[in-house]
Amino acid sequence: MAACWEVKQLIDRATEKVIIDRLEQAHTLLTVNRGNEETAFITRVIDRLPEIEKDIILRKYIQLEATYITHFDIYTDMGVVEGTYKKMRLRALYKIGAALGIVDPDVNPITLSEG
């Protein structure tokens, strides 16, 4: 339980929204075949995430059907409990936010290879 609390502290709700907005912009541009430097960068960052975090981000924010997929759909399909899913999703969002310069990795440092 304490580990989940630590992850929640990596980013606040407003920062989470900013990161998700950038992912949704990338999703839209990729959907209409109008990727740009930022979408290419975001794609590279996602590719560097641990597989389970990458899977969550792709399903929820990047894939064509992402708009229609719920968090519940993802964590039940993955066979993980909601709390574990939230921890992994927030950790992935933190890493993406750090790569995009939205969060300061010096405040709560974790690496892209941490799971």
PDB file of N, CA and C in Angstrom:
ATOM      1  N   MET A   1       0.815  -1.193   0.000  1.00  0.00           N
ATOM      2  CA  MET A   1       0.000   0.000   0.000  1.00  0.00           C
ATOM      3  C   MET A   1       0.861   1.260   0.000  1.00  0.00           C
ATOM      4  N   ALA A   2       1.942   1.276   0.750  1.00  0.00           N
ATOM      5  CA  ALA A   2       2.813   2.443   0.812  1.00  0.00           C
ATOM      6  C   ALA A   2       3.447   2.724  -0.540  1.00  0.00           C
ATOM      7  N   ALA A   3       3.816   1.685  -1.283  1.00  0.00           N
ATOM      8  CA  ALA A   3       4.438   1.876  -2.590  1.00  0.00           C
ATOM      9  C   ALA A   3       3.491   2.601  -3.538  1.00  0.00           C
ATOM     10  N   CYS A   4       2.220   2.254  -3.519  1.00  0.00           N
ATOM     11  CA  CYS A   4       1.234   2.917  -4.376  1.00  0.00           C
ATOM     12  C   CYS A   4       1.131   4.399  -4.002  1.00  0.00           C
ATOM     13  N   TRP A   5       1.151   4.700  -2.716  1.00  0.00           N
ATOM     14  CA  TRP A   5       1.089   6.085  -2.267  1.00  0.00           C
ATOM     15  C   TRP A   5       2.285   6.857  -2.789  1.00  0.00           C
ATOM     16  N   GLU A   6       3.497   6.252  -2.761  1.00  0.00           N
ATOM     17  CA  GLU A   6       4.702   6.907  -3.254  1.00  0.00           C
ATOM     18  C   GLU A   6       4.554   7.237  -4.730  1.00  0.00           C
ATOM     19  N   VAL A   7       4.010   6.330  -5.520  1.00  0.00           N
ATOM     20  CA  VAL A   7       3.833   6.569  -6.941  1.00  0.00           C
ATOM     21  C   VAL A   7       2.852   7.702  -7.175  1.00  0.00           C
ATOM     22  N   LYS A   8       1.749   7.730  -6.415  1.00  0.00           N
ATOM     23  CA  LYS A   8       0.767   8.798  -6.573  1.00  0.00           C
ATOM     24  C   LYS A   8       1.409  10.156  -6.330  1.00  0.00           C
ATOM     25  N   GLN A   9       2.426  10.208  -5.496  1.00  0.00           N
ATOM     26  CA  GLN A   9       3.076  11.465  -5.186  1.00  0.00           C
ATOM     27  C   GLN A   9       4.029  11.922  -6.285  1.00  0.00           C
ATOM     28  N   LEU A  10       4.335  11.055  -7.245  1.00  0.00           N
ATOM     29  CA  LEU A  10       5.230  11.443  -8.325  1.00  0.00           C
ATOM     30  C   LEU A  10       4.647  12.579  -9.155  1.00  0.00           C
ATOM     31  N   ILE A  11       3.340  12.535  -9.407  1.00  0.00           N
ATOM     32  CA  ILE A  11       2.675  13.584 -10.173  1.00  0.00           C
ATOM     33  C   ILE A  11       1.330  13.903  -9.536  1.00  0.00           C
ATOM     34  N   ASP A  12       0.977  15.176  -9.577  1.00  0.00           N
ATOM     35  CA  ASP A  12      -0.336  15.545  -9.058  1.00  0.00           C
ATOM     36  C   ASP A  12      -1.369  15.434 -10.178  1.00  0.00           C
ATOM     37  N   ARG A  13      -2.609  15.637  -9.851  1.00  0.00           N
ATOM     38  CA  ARG A  13      -3.712  15.461 -10.808  1.00  0.00           C
ATOM     39  C   ARG A  13      -3.588  16.414 -11.998  1.00  0.00           C
ATOM     40  N   ALA A  14      -3.193  17.665 -11.743  1.00  0.00           N
ATOM     41  CA  ALA A  14      -3.055  18.642 -12.824  1.00  0.00           C
ATOM     42  C   ALA A  14      -1.934  18.241 -13.785  1.00  0.00           C
ATOM     43  N   THR A  15      -0.820  17.769 -13.248  1.00  0.00           N
ATOM     44  CA  THR A  15       0.297  17.325 -14.080  1.00  0.00           C
ATOM     45  C   THR A  15      -0.096  16.088 -14.871  1.00  0.00           C
ATOM     46  N   GLU A  16      -0.807  15.172 -14.230  1.00  0.00           N
ATOM     47  CA  GLU A  16      -1.296  13.980 -14.917  1.00  0.00           C
ATOM     48  C   GLU A  16      -2.147  14.393 -16.124  1.00  0.00           C
ATOM     49  N   LYS A  17      -3.013  15.386 -15.942  1.00  0.00           N
ATOM     50  CA  LYS A  17      -3.880  15.854 -17.031  1.00  0.00           C
ATOM     51  C   LYS A  17      -3.063  16.440 -18.175  1.00  0.00           C
ATOM     52  N   VAL A  18      -2.025  17.201 -17.870  1.00  0.00           N
ATOM     53  CA  VAL A  18      -1.177  17.785 -18.912  1.00  0.00           C
ATOM     54  C   VAL A  18      -0.506  16.683 -19.729  1.00  0.00           C
ATOM     55  N   ILE A  19       0.016  15.668 -19.066  1.00  0.00           N
ATOM     56  CA  ILE A  19       0.671  14.556 -19.752  1.00  0.00           C
ATOM     57  C   ILE A  19      -0.336  13.806 -20.621  1.00  0.00           C
ATOM     58  N   ILE A  20      -1.509  13.529 -20.076  1.00  0.00           N
ATOM     59  CA  ILE A  20      -2.545  12.822 -20.828  1.00  0.00           C
ATOM     60  C   ILE A  20      -2.985  13.654 -22.033  1.00  0.00           C
ATOM     61  N   ASP A  21      -3.108  14.963 -21.868  1.00  0.00           N
ATOM     62  CA  ASP A  21      -3.471  15.828 -22.999  1.00  0.00           C
ATOM     63  C   ASP A  21      -2.451  15.703 -24.126  1.00  0.00           C
ATOM     64  N   ARG A  22      -1.162  15.658 -23.782  1.00  0.00           N
ATOM     65  CA  ARG A  22      -0.114  15.516 -24.809  1.00  0.00           C
ATOM     66  C   ARG A  22      -0.217  14.161 -25.495  1.00  0.00           C
ATOM     67  N   LEU A  23      -0.504  13.112 -24.709  1.00  0.00           N
ATOM     68  CA  LEU A  23      -0.674  11.780 -25.303  1.00  0.00           C
ATOM     69  C   LEU A  23      -1.892  11.754 -26.229  1.00  0.00           C
ATOM     70  N   GLU A  24      -2.968  12.397 -25.819  1.00  0.00           N
ATOM     71  CA  GLU A  24      -4.174  12.428 -26.650  1.00  0.00           C
ATOM     72  C   GLU A  24      -3.949  13.241 -27.925  1.00  0.00           C
ATOM     73  N   GLN A  25      -3.158  14.309 -27.856  1.00  0.00           N
ATOM     74  CA  GLN A  25      -2.802  15.061 -29.056  1.00  0.00           C
ATOM     75  C   GLN A  25      -1.996  14.166 -30.008  1.00  0.00           C
ATOM     76  N   ALA A  26      -1.052  13.426 -29.450  1.00  0.00           N
ATOM     77  CA  ALA A  26      -0.247  12.506 -30.269  1.00  0.00           C
ATOM     78  C   ALA A  26      -1.150  11.453 -30.901  1.00  0.00           C
ATOM     79  N   HIS A  27      -2.099  10.924 -30.117  1.00  0.00           N
ATOM     80  CA  HIS A  27      -3.048   9.929 -30.634  1.00  0.00           C
ATOM     81  C   HIS A  27      -3.815  10.487 -31.826  1.00  0.00           C
ATOM     82  N   THR A  28      -4.311  11.702 -31.693  1.00  0.00           N
ATOM     83  CA  THR A  28      -5.075  12.317 -32.772  1.00  0.00           C
ATOM     84  C   THR A  28      -4.213  12.492 -34.025  1.00  0.00           C
ATOM     85  N   LEU A  29      -3.013  13.015 -33.852  1.00  0.00           N
ATOM     86  CA  LEU A  29      -2.133  13.224 -35.000  1.00  0.00           C
ATOM     87  C   LEU A  29      -1.753  11.903 -35.665  1.00  0.00           C
ATOM     88  N   LEU A  30      -1.487  10.889 -34.870  1.00  0.00           N
ATOM     89  CA  LEU A  30      -1.138   9.590 -35.437  1.00  0.00           C
ATOM     90  C   LEU A  30      -2.334   8.961 -36.150  1.00  0.00           C
ATOM     91  N   THR A  31      -3.530   9.168 -35.614  1.00  0.00           N
ATOM     92  CA  THR A  31      -4.742   8.610 -36.208  1.00  0.00           C
ATOM     93  C   THR A  31      -4.993   9.178 -37.608  1.00  0.00           C
ATOM     94  N   VAL A  32      -4.703  10.453 -37.787  1.00  0.00           N
ATOM     95  CA  VAL A  32      -4.933  11.084 -39.097  1.00  0.00           C
ATOM     96  C   VAL A  32      -3.652  11.143 -39.930  1.00  0.00           C
ATOM     97  N   ASN A  33      -2.657  10.351 -39.540  1.00  0.00           N
ATOM     98  CA  ASN A  33      -1.397  10.250 -40.280  1.00  0.00           C
ATOM     99  C   ASN A  33      -0.670  11.582 -40.402  1.00  0.00           C
ATOM    100  N   ARG A  34      -0.678  12.358 -39.334  1.00  0.00           N
ATOM    101  CA  ARG A  34      -0.021  13.661 -39.340  1.00  0.00           C
ATOM    102  C   ARG A  34       0.975  13.762 -38.197  1.00  0.00           C
ATOM    103  N   GLY A  35       1.709  12.682 -37.967  1.00  0.00           N
ATOM    104  CA  GLY A  35       2.705  12.708 -36.911  1.00  0.00           C
ATOM    105  C   GLY A  35       3.726  13.806 -37.147  1.00  0.00           C
ATOM    106  N   ASN A  36       4.304  14.291 -36.068  1.00  0.00           N
ATOM    107  CA  ASN A  36       5.327  15.323 -36.156  1.00  0.00           C
ATOM    108  C   ASN A  36       6.496  14.927 -35.258  1.00  0.00           C
ATOM    109  N   GLU A  37       7.419  15.855 -35.024  1.00  0.00           N
ATOM    110  CA  GLU A  37       8.582  15.539 -34.185  1.00  0.00           C
ATOM    111  C   GLU A  37       8.168  15.119 -32.781  1.00  0.00           C
ATOM    112  N   GLU A  38       7.182  15.800 -32.214  1.00  0.00           N
ATOM    113  CA  GLU A  38       6.764  15.448 -30.857  1.00  0.00           C
ATOM    114  C   GLU A  38       6.119  14.064 -30.812  1.00  0.00           C
ATOM    115  N   THR A  39       5.290  13.738 -31.790  1.00  0.00           N
ATOM    116  CA  THR A  39       4.675  12.401 -31.780  1.00  0.00           C
ATOM    117  C   THR A  39       5.736  11.325 -31.955  1.00  0.00           C
ATOM    118  N   ALA A  40       6.739  11.597 -32.777  1.00  0.00           N
ATOM    119  CA  ALA A  40       7.840  10.638 -32.953  1.00  0.00           C
ATOM    120  C   ALA A  40       8.610  10.483 -31.643  1.00  0.00           C
ATOM    121  N   PHE A  41       8.829  11.597 -30.945  1.00  0.00           N
ATOM    122  CA  PHE A  41       9.536  11.547 -29.666  1.00  0.00           C
ATOM    123  C   PHE A  41       8.717  10.775 -28.632  1.00  0.00           C
ATOM    124  N   ILE A  42       7.438  11.078 -28.542  1.00  0.00           N
ATOM    125  CA  ILE A  42       6.564  10.373 -27.595  1.00  0.00           C
ATOM    126  C   ILE A  42       6.563   8.874 -27.898  1.00  0.00           C
ATOM    127  N   THR A  43       6.504   8.520 -29.155  1.00  0.00           N
ATOM    128  CA  THR A  43       6.526   7.108 -29.544  1.00  0.00           C
ATOM    129  C   THR A  43       7.823   6.443 -29.091  1.00  0.00           C
ATOM    130  N   ARG A  44       8.950   7.131 -29.253  1.00  0.00           N
ATOM    131  CA  ARG A  44      10.242   6.577 -28.807  1.00  0.00           C
ATOM    132  C   ARG A  44      10.269   6.413 -27.283  1.00  0.00           C
ATOM    133  N   VAL A  45       9.732   7.386 -26.565  1.00  0.00           N
ATOM    134  CA  VAL A  45       9.688   7.296 -25.097  1.00  0.00           C
ATOM    135  C   VAL A  45       8.833   6.100 -24.676  1.00  0.00           C
ATOM    136  N   ILE A  46       7.673   5.949 -25.283  1.00  0.00           N
ATOM    137  CA  ILE A  46       6.794   4.824 -24.952  1.00  0.00           C
ATOM    138  C   ILE A  46       7.485   3.500 -25.254  1.00  0.00           C
ATOM    139  N   ASP A  47       8.199   3.429 -26.364  1.00  0.00           N
ATOM    140  CA  ASP A  47       8.918   2.199 -26.725  1.00  0.00           C
ATOM    141  C   ASP A  47       9.972   1.813 -25.696  1.00  0.00           C
ATOM    142  N   ARG A  48      10.486   2.782 -24.953  1.00  0.00           N
ATOM    143  CA  ARG A  48      11.519   2.523 -23.943  1.00  0.00           C
ATOM    144  C   ARG A  48      10.948   2.091 -22.587  1.00  0.00           C
ATOM    145  N   LEU A  49       9.641   2.208 -22.413  1.00  0.00           N
ATOM    146  CA  LEU A  49       9.020   1.818 -21.147  1.00  0.00           C
ATOM    147  C   LEU A  49       9.062   0.300 -20.973  1.00  0.00           C
ATOM    148  N   PRO A  50       9.021  -0.178 -19.727  1.00  0.00           N
ATOM    149  CA  PRO A  50       8.853  -1.618 -19.506  1.00  0.00           C
ATOM    150  C   PRO A  50       7.583  -2.088 -20.212  1.00  0.00           C
ATOM    151  N   GLU A  51       7.582  -3.298 -20.690  1.00  0.00           N
ATOM    152  CA  GLU A  51       6.489  -3.813 -21.523  1.00  0.00           C
ATOM    153  C   GLU A  51       5.107  -3.600 -20.917  1.00  0.00           C
ATOM    154  N   ILE A  52       4.945  -3.841 -19.637  1.00  0.00           N
ATOM    155  CA  ILE A  52       3.614  -3.722 -19.034  1.00  0.00           C
ATOM    156  C   ILE A  52       3.149  -2.267 -19.005  1.00  0.00           C
ATOM    157  N   GLU A  53       4.064  -1.339 -18.725  1.00  0.00           N
ATOM    158  CA  GLU A  53       3.718   0.087 -18.740  1.00  0.00           C
ATOM    159  C   GLU A  53       3.439   0.539 -20.175  1.00  0.00           C
ATOM    160  N   LYS A  54       4.244   0.075 -21.099  1.00  0.00           N
ATOM    161  CA  LYS A  54       4.051   0.386 -22.519  1.00  0.00           C
ATOM    162  C   LYS A  54       2.674  -0.087 -22.981  1.00  0.00           C
ATOM    163  N   ASP A  55       2.301  -1.292 -22.587  1.00  0.00           N
ATOM    164  CA  ASP A  55       1.008  -1.858 -22.957  1.00  0.00           C
ATOM    165  C   ASP A  55      -0.137  -0.984 -22.441  1.00  0.00           C
ATOM    166  N   ILE A  56      -0.034  -0.550 -21.204  1.00  0.00           N
ATOM    167  CA  ILE A  56      -1.073   0.304 -20.614  1.00  0.00           C
ATOM    168  C   ILE A  56      -1.204   1.611 -21.390  1.00  0.00           C
ATOM    169  N   ILE A  57      -0.095   2.272 -21.635  1.00  0.00           N
ATOM    170  CA  ILE A  57      -0.120   3.571 -22.321  1.00  0.00           C
ATOM    171  C   ILE A  57      -0.638   3.426 -23.746  1.00  0.00           C
ATOM    172  N   LEU A  58      -0.183   2.407 -24.450  1.00  0.00           N
ATOM    173  CA  LEU A  58      -0.655   2.209 -25.817  1.00  0.00           C
ATOM    174  C   LEU A  58      -2.149   1.941 -25.854  1.00  0.00           C
ATOM    175  N   ARG A  59      -2.626   1.064 -24.971  1.00  0.00           N
ATOM    176  CA  ARG A  59      -4.055   0.725 -24.962  1.00  0.00           C
ATOM    177  C   ARG A  59      -4.929   1.915 -24.603  1.00  0.00           C
ATOM    178  N   LYS A  60      -4.513   2.678 -23.601  1.00  0.00           N
ATOM    179  CA  LYS A  60      -5.376   3.739 -23.077  1.00  0.00           C
ATOM    180  C   LYS A  60      -5.269   5.053 -23.842  1.00  0.00           C
ATOM    181  N   TYR A  61      -4.101   5.335 -24.414  1.00  0.00           N
ATOM    182  CA  TYR A  61      -3.911   6.664 -24.974  1.00  0.00           C
ATOM    183  C   TYR A  61      -3.490   6.721 -26.448  1.00  0.00           C
ATOM    184  N   ILE A  62      -2.950   5.652 -27.011  1.00  0.00           N
ATOM    185  CA  ILE A  62      -2.361   5.756 -28.342  1.00  0.00           C
ATOM    186  C   ILE A  62      -3.075   4.936 -29.418  1.00  0.00           C
ATOM    187  N   GLN A  63      -3.461   3.722 -29.121  1.00  0.00           N
ATOM    188  CA  GLN A  63      -4.081   2.872 -30.144  1.00  0.00           C
ATOM    189  C   GLN A  63      -5.341   3.509 -30.718  1.00  0.00           C
ATOM    190  N   LEU A  64      -5.682   3.111 -31.918  1.00  0.00           N
ATOM    191  CA  LEU A  64      -6.839   3.653 -32.618  1.00  0.00           C
ATOM    192  C   LEU A  64      -8.100   3.616 -31.750  1.00  0.00           C
ATOM    193  N   GLU A  65      -8.320   2.523 -31.023  1.00  0.00           N
ATOM    194  CA  GLU A  65      -9.525   2.358 -30.204  1.00  0.00           C
ATOM    195  C   GLU A  65      -9.388   2.977 -28.812  1.00  0.00           C
ATOM    196  N   ALA A  66      -8.298   3.669 -28.537  1.00  0.00           N
ATOM    197  CA  ALA A  66      -8.004   4.174 -27.192  1.00  0.00           C
ATOM    198  C   ALA A  66      -9.139   5.006 -26.601  1.00  0.00           C
ATOM    199  N   THR A  67      -9.818   5.748 -27.419  1.00  0.00           N
ATOM    200  CA  THR A  67     -10.904   6.613 -26.939  1.00  0.00           C
ATOM    201  C   THR A  67     -12.019   5.807 -26.285  1.00  0.00           C
ATOM    202  N   TYR A  68     -12.184   4.579 -26.703  1.00  0.00           N
ATOM    203  CA  TYR A  68     -13.310   3.757 -26.244  1.00  0.00           C
ATOM    204  C   TYR A  68     -12.933   2.734 -25.178  1.00  0.00           C
ATOM    205  N   ILE A  69     -11.674   2.665 -24.820  1.00  0.00           N
ATOM    206  CA  ILE A  69     -11.191   1.692 -23.844  1.00  0.00           C
ATOM    207  C   ILE A  69     -11.181   2.333 -22.457  1.00  0.00           C
ATOM    208  N   THR A  70     -11.729   1.631 -21.475  1.00  0.00           N
ATOM    209  CA  THR A  70     -11.729   2.152 -20.104  1.00  0.00           C
ATOM    210  C   THR A  70     -10.568   1.551 -19.320  1.00  0.00           C
ATOM    211  N   HIS A  71     -10.242   2.198 -18.221  1.00  0.00           N
ATOM    212  CA  HIS A  71      -9.214   1.652 -17.334  1.00  0.00           C
ATOM    213  C   HIS A  71      -9.630   0.251 -16.875  1.00  0.00           C
ATOM    214  N   PHE A  72     -10.903   0.098 -16.541  1.00  0.00           N
ATOM    215  CA  PHE A  72     -11.419  -1.200 -16.097  1.00  0.00           C
ATOM    216  C   PHE A  72     -11.162  -2.271 -17.156  1.00  0.00           C
ATOM    217  N   ASP A  73     -11.453  -1.957 -18.421  1.00  0.00           N
ATOM    218  CA  ASP A  73     -11.216  -2.912 -19.511  1.00  0.00           C
ATOM    219  C   ASP A  73      -9.762  -3.366 -19.536  1.00  0.00           C
ATOM    220  N   ILE A  74      -8.869  -2.410 -19.362  1.00  0.00           N
ATOM    221  CA  ILE A  74      -7.441  -2.717 -19.465  1.00  0.00           C
ATOM    222  C   ILE A  74      -6.977  -3.579 -18.300  1.00  0.00           C
ATOM    223  N   TYR A  75      -7.268  -3.167 -17.061  1.00  0.00           N
ATOM    224  CA  TYR A  75      -6.712  -3.939 -15.954  1.00  0.00           C
ATOM    225  C   TYR A  75      -7.370  -5.305 -15.799  1.00  0.00           C
ATOM    226  N   THR A  76      -8.628  -5.441 -16.183  1.00  0.00           N
ATOM    227  CA  THR A  76      -9.226  -6.781 -16.116  1.00  0.00           C
ATOM    228  C   THR A  76      -8.663  -7.677 -17.211  1.00  0.00           C
ATOM    229  N   ASP A  77      -8.460  -7.119 -18.394  1.00  0.00           N
ATOM    230  CA  ASP A  77      -7.859  -7.886 -19.491  1.00  0.00           C
ATOM    231  C   ASP A  77      -6.431  -8.306 -19.154  1.00  0.00           C
ATOM    232  N   MET A  78      -5.706  -7.439 -18.459  1.00  0.00           N
ATOM    233  CA  MET A  78      -4.323  -7.741 -18.083  1.00  0.00           C
ATOM    234  C   MET A  78      -4.245  -8.702 -16.897  1.00  0.00           C
ATOM    235  N   GLY A  79      -5.347  -8.856 -16.185  1.00  0.00           N
ATOM    236  CA  GLY A  79      -5.352  -9.743 -15.030  1.00  0.00           C
ATOM    237  C   GLY A  79      -4.661  -9.157 -13.812  1.00  0.00           C
ATOM    238  N   VAL A  80      -4.702  -7.825 -13.682  1.00  0.00           N
ATOM    239  CA  VAL A  80      -4.114  -7.185 -12.506  1.00  0.00           C
ATOM    240  C   VAL A  80      -5.227  -6.450 -11.748  1.00  0.00           C
ATOM    241  N   VAL A  81      -4.977  -6.205 -10.477  1.00  0.00           N
ATOM    242  CA  VAL A  81      -5.955  -5.487  -9.670  1.00  0.00           C
ATOM    243  C   VAL A  81      -5.848  -3.987  -9.949  1.00  0.00           C
ATOM    244  N   GLU A  82      -6.903  -3.277  -9.649  1.00  0.00           N
ATOM    245  CA  GLU A  82      -6.972  -1.847  -9.947  1.00  0.00           C
ATOM    246  C   GLU A  82      -5.807  -1.061  -9.346  1.00  0.00           C
ATOM    247  N   GLY A  83      -5.464  -1.323  -8.106  1.00  0.00           N
ATOM    248  CA  GLY A  83      -4.381  -0.588  -7.449  1.00  0.00           C
ATOM    249  C   GLY A  83      -3.040  -0.769  -8.145  1.00  0.00           C
ATOM    250  N   THR A  84      -2.753  -1.992  -8.552  1.00  0.00           N
ATOM    251  CA  THR A  84      -1.504  -2.270  -9.264  1.00  0.00           C
ATOM    252  C   THR A  84      -1.507  -1.572 -10.613  1.00  0.00           C
ATOM    253  N   TYR A  85      -2.627  -1.613 -11.296  1.00  0.00           N
ATOM    254  CA  TYR A  85      -2.771  -0.936 -12.590  1.00  0.00           C
ATOM    255  C   TYR A  85      -2.518   0.564 -12.433  1.00  0.00           C
ATOM    256  N   LYS A  86      -3.137   1.180 -11.425  1.00  0.00           N
ATOM    257  CA  LYS A  86      -2.958   2.616 -11.206  1.00  0.00           C
ATOM    258  C   LYS A  86      -1.498   2.946 -10.959  1.00  0.00           C
ATOM    259  N   LYS A  87      -0.835   2.127 -10.159  1.00  0.00           N
ATOM    260  CA  LYS A  87       0.577   2.339  -9.853  1.00  0.00           C
ATOM    261  C   LYS A  87       1.409   2.293 -11.137  1.00  0.00           C
ATOM    262  N   MET A  88       1.180   1.287 -11.972  1.00  0.00           N
ATOM    263  CA  MET A  88       1.946   1.153 -13.208  1.00  0.00           C
ATOM    264  C   MET A  88       1.635   2.286 -14.181  1.00  0.00           C
ATOM    265  N   ARG A  89       0.360   2.674 -14.278  1.00  0.00           N
ATOM    266  CA  ARG A  89      -0.036   3.754 -15.188  1.00  0.00           C
ATOM    267  C   ARG A  89       0.579   5.078 -14.769  1.00  0.00           C
ATOM    268  N   LEU A  90       0.510   5.392 -13.467  1.00  0.00           N
ATOM    269  CA  LEU A  90       1.084   6.646 -12.982  1.00  0.00           C
ATOM    270  C   LEU A  90       2.597   6.668 -13.133  1.00  0.00           C
ATOM    271  N   ARG A  91       3.239   5.527 -12.908  1.00  0.00           N
ATOM    272  CA  ARG A  91       4.694   5.449 -13.085  1.00  0.00           C
ATOM    273  C   ARG A  91       5.042   5.706 -14.555  1.00  0.00           C
ATOM    274  N   ALA A  92       4.291   5.126 -15.468  1.00  0.00           N
ATOM    275  CA  ALA A  92       4.533   5.337 -16.903  1.00  0.00           C
ATOM    276  C   ALA A  92       4.287   6.798 -17.279  1.00  0.00           C
ATOM    277  N   LEU A  93       3.198   7.381 -16.778  1.00  0.00           N
ATOM    278  CA  LEU A  93       2.913   8.784 -17.066  1.00  0.00           C
ATOM    279  C   LEU A  93       4.009   9.695 -16.523  1.00  0.00           C
ATOM    280  N   TYR A  94       4.516   9.375 -15.343  1.00  0.00           N
ATOM    281  CA  TYR A  94       5.613  10.151 -14.767  1.00  0.00           C
ATOM    282  C   TYR A  94       6.824  10.122 -15.690  1.00  0.00           C
ATOM    283  N   LYS A  95       7.175   8.939 -16.168  1.00  0.00           N
ATOM    284  CA  LYS A  95       8.345   8.793 -17.043  1.00  0.00           C
ATOM    285  C   LYS A  95       8.156   9.569 -18.341  1.00  0.00           C
ATOM    286  N   ILE A  96       6.968   9.502 -18.907  1.00  0.00           N
ATOM    287  CA  ILE A  96       6.679  10.247 -20.137  1.00  0.00           C
ATOM    288  C   ILE A  96       6.741  11.752 -19.848  1.00  0.00           C
ATOM    289  N   GLY A  97       6.149  12.165 -18.736  1.00  0.00           N
ATOM    290  CA  GLY A  97       6.186  13.575 -18.347  1.00  0.00           C
ATOM    291  C   GLY A  97       7.600  14.078 -18.126  1.00  0.00           C
ATOM    292  N   ALA A  98       8.450  13.253 -17.536  1.00  0.00           N
ATOM    293  CA  ALA A  98       9.846  13.637 -17.329  1.00  0.00           C
ATOM    294  C   ALA A  98      10.558  13.794 -18.673  1.00  0.00           C
ATOM    295  N   ALA A  99      10.316  12.869 -19.586  1.00  0.00           N
ATOM    296  CA  ALA A  99      10.940  12.937 -20.911  1.00  0.00           C
ATOM    297  C   ALA A  99      10.482  14.170 -21.687  1.00  0.00           C
ATOM    298  N   LEU A 100       9.223  14.577 -21.491  1.00  0.00           N
ATOM    299  CA  LEU A 100       8.673  15.744 -22.182  1.00  0.00           C
ATOM    300  C   LEU A 100       8.997  17.062 -21.469  1.00  0.00           C
ATOM    301  N   GLY A 101       9.630  16.977 -20.298  1.00  0.00           N
ATOM    302  CA  GLY A 101       9.969  18.180 -19.551  1.00  0.00           C
ATOM    303  C   GLY A 101       8.810  18.751 -18.757  1.00  0.00           C
ATOM    304  N   ILE A 102       7.780  17.952 -18.557  1.00  0.00           N
ATOM    305  CA  ILE A 102       6.598  18.399 -17.809  1.00  0.00           C
ATOM    306  C   ILE A 102       6.819  18.231 -16.309  1.00  0.00           C
ATOM    307  N   VAL A 103       7.525  17.188 -15.927  1.00  0.00           N
ATOM    308  CA  VAL A 103       7.858  16.971 -14.514  1.00  0.00           C
ATOM    309  C   VAL A 103       9.367  17.001 -14.355  1.00  0.00           C
ATOM    310  N   ASP A 104       9.810  17.337 -13.182  1.00  0.00           N
ATOM    311  CA  ASP A 104      11.238  17.413 -12.882  1.00  0.00           C
ATOM    312  C   ASP A 104      11.703  16.082 -12.307  1.00  0.00           C
ATOM    313  N   PRO A 105      12.502  15.329 -13.066  1.00  0.00           N
ATOM    314  CA  PRO A 105      12.934  14.022 -12.581  1.00  0.00           C
ATOM    315  C   PRO A 105      13.871  14.103 -11.375  1.00  0.00           C
ATOM    316  N   ASP A 106      14.412  15.284 -11.094  1.00  0.00           N
ATOM    317  CA  ASP A 106      15.272  15.433  -9.921  1.00  0.00           C
ATOM    318  C   ASP A 106      14.482  15.466  -8.626  1.00  0.00           C
ATOM    319  N   VAL A 107      13.179  15.781  -8.714  1.00  0.00           N
ATOM    320  CA  VAL A 107      12.341  15.841  -7.518  1.00  0.00           C
ATOM    321  C   VAL A 107      12.060  14.435  -6.995  1.00  0.00           C
ATOM    322  N   ASN A 108      11.620  13.527  -7.862  1.00  0.00           N
ATOM    323  CA  ASN A 108      11.349  12.141  -7.516  1.00  0.00           C
ATOM    324  C   ASN A 108      11.981  11.248  -8.588  1.00  0.00           C
ATOM    325  N   PRO A 109      13.302  11.043  -8.510  1.00  0.00           N
ATOM    326  CA  PRO A 109      13.959  10.332  -9.618  1.00  0.00           C
ATOM    327  C   PRO A 109      13.593   8.852  -9.688  1.00  0.00           C
ATOM    328  N   ILE A 110      13.169   8.416 -10.869  1.00  0.00           N
ATOM    329  CA  ILE A 110      13.059   7.016 -11.214  1.00  0.00           C
ATOM    330  C   ILE A 110      13.573   6.927 -12.643  1.00  0.00           C
ATOM    331  N   THR A 111      13.989   5.756 -13.071  1.00  0.00           N
ATOM    332  CA  THR A 111      14.539   5.632 -14.416  1.00  0.00           C
ATOM    333  C   THR A 111      13.537   4.947 -15.327  1.00  0.00           C
ATOM    334  N   LEU A 112      13.752   5.107 -16.634  1.00  0.00           N
ATOM    335  CA  LEU A 112      12.865   4.476 -17.588  1.00  0.00           C
ATOM    336  C   LEU A 112      12.902   2.971 -17.494  1.00  0.00           C
ATOM    337  N   SER A 113      13.977   2.413 -16.954  1.00  0.00           N
ATOM    338  CA  SER A 113      14.074   0.956 -16.884  1.00  0.00           C
ATOM    339  C   SER A 113      13.494   0.383 -15.606  1.00  0.00           C
ATOM    340  N   GLU A 114      13.125   1.244 -14.630  1.00  0.00           N
ATOM    341  CA  GLU A 114      12.529   0.737 -13.392  1.00  0.00           C
ATOM    342  C   GLU A 114      11.129   0.210 -13.652  1.00  0.00           C
ATOM    343  N   GLY A 115      10.766  -0.872 -12.995  1.00  0.00           N
ATOM    344  CA  GLY A 115       9.437  -1.445 -13.199  1.00  0.00           C
ATOM    345  C   GLY A 115       8.533  -1.315 -12.067  1.00  0.00           C
TER     346      GLY A 115
END
